[in-house]
Amino acid sequence: MRHRPPKGKAPPWLEGKRTGRPKGSRSHQKDWDNMIWGYENRLKSDAHPPNKSAWIWWHFAHYFPNQVEDFLVRYGKI
């Protein structure tokens, strides 16, 4: 029969070990990179986006450059 510790308490073999989400896994840097790529390449008609998200941000920055620039400036990305 398996050991079932009380709710909220780790089993003895996991005491002192970190479990759960690794540090830095909730980073959104790749999303910011797509936004910045779209903004920087908004004037190129032959741009080849690296992924679908960058493609969406490229279209958004192409048609609404002032709003995208304001957004990136507000969050300190450019």
Protein backbone atom coordinates (compact mmCIF):
# COMPACT_ATOMS: atom_id res chain seq x y z
CA MET A 1 0.00 0.00 0.00
CA ARG A 2 1.27 3.45 -0.90
CA HIS A 3 2.02 6.12 1.64
CA ARG A 4 -0.64 8.86 1.61
CA PRO A 5 0.51 11.92 3.55
CA PRO A 6 -2.05 14.34 4.96
CA LYS A 7 -3.34 16.96 2.55
CA GLY A 8 -0.88 19.83 2.09
CA LYS A 9 2.13 17.85 3.37
CA ALA A 10 4.75 16.38 1.05
CA PRO A 11 5.68 12.70 1.23
CA PRO A 12 8.91 11.93 3.09
CA TRP A 13 10.94 11.25 -0.07
CA LEU A 14 10.10 14.72 -1.42
CA GLU A 15 10.92 16.67 1.75
CA GLY A 16 13.25 19.54 0.94
CA LYS A 17 12.96 19.07 -2.83
CA ARG A 18 11.32 21.60 -5.05
CA THR A 19 8.34 20.28 -6.94
CA GLY A 20 6.06 21.99 -9.40
CA ARG A 21 6.76 24.58 -12.07
CA PRO A 22 10.45 25.28 -12.81
CA LYS A 23 11.72 28.80 -12.24
CA GLY A 24 11.37 31.03 -15.28
CA SER A 25 8.81 28.85 -17.01
CA ARG A 26 6.19 31.60 -16.84
CA SER A 27 8.40 34.02 -18.72
CA HIS A 28 6.71 35.91 -21.54
CA GLN A 29 9.89 36.97 -23.33
CA LYS A 30 9.08 34.98 -26.46
CA ASP A 31 5.78 36.85 -26.74
CA TRP A 32 7.52 40.22 -26.42
CA ASP A 33 10.04 39.10 -29.07
CA ASN A 34 7.17 38.43 -31.50
CA MET A 35 5.65 41.86 -30.83
CA ILE A 36 8.97 43.62 -31.34
CA TRP A 37 9.69 41.62 -34.51
CA GLY A 38 6.30 42.62 -35.93
CA TYR A 39 6.86 46.27 -35.09
CA GLU A 40 10.40 46.42 -36.49
CA ASN A 41 9.41 44.69 -39.75
CA ARG A 42 6.06 46.45 -40.26
CA LEU A 43 7.28 48.39 -43.31
CA LYS A 44 8.64 45.36 -45.15
CA SER A 45 6.10 43.92 -47.57
CA ASP A 46 8.18 40.75 -48.09
CA ALA A 47 8.76 39.99 -44.39
CA HIS A 48 8.82 36.31 -43.41
CA PRO A 49 7.57 35.96 -39.83
CA PRO A 50 9.22 33.24 -37.71
CA ASN A 51 5.86 32.03 -36.36
CA LYS A 52 2.11 32.66 -36.41
CA SER A 53 2.17 35.04 -33.45
CA ALA A 54 4.79 37.23 -35.10
CA TRP A 55 2.67 37.21 -38.26
CA ILE A 56 -0.35 38.51 -36.30
CA TRP A 57 1.75 41.25 -34.64
CA TRP A 58 3.23 42.19 -38.03
CA HIS A 59 -0.27 42.77 -39.43
CA PHE A 60 -1.32 44.66 -36.33
CA ALA A 61 1.79 46.90 -36.44
CA HIS A 62 1.40 47.39 -40.19
CA TYR A 63 -2.14 48.78 -39.89
CA PHE A 64 -1.89 50.42 -36.44
CA PRO A 65 1.77 51.47 -36.01
CA ASN A 66 1.11 54.30 -33.55
CA GLN A 67 -0.89 52.14 -31.16
CA VAL A 68 1.68 49.33 -31.20
CA GLU A 69 4.52 51.82 -30.67
CA ASP A 70 2.68 53.44 -27.74
CA PHE A 71 2.09 50.00 -26.21
CA LEU A 72 5.74 48.94 -26.52
CA VAL A 73 7.00 52.29 -25.20
CA ARG A 74 4.60 52.12 -22.24
CA TYR A 75 6.03 48.73 -21.23
CA GLY A 76 9.64 49.77 -21.85
CA LYS A 77 10.34 47.37 -24.70
CA ILE A 78 11.52 50.01 -27.19
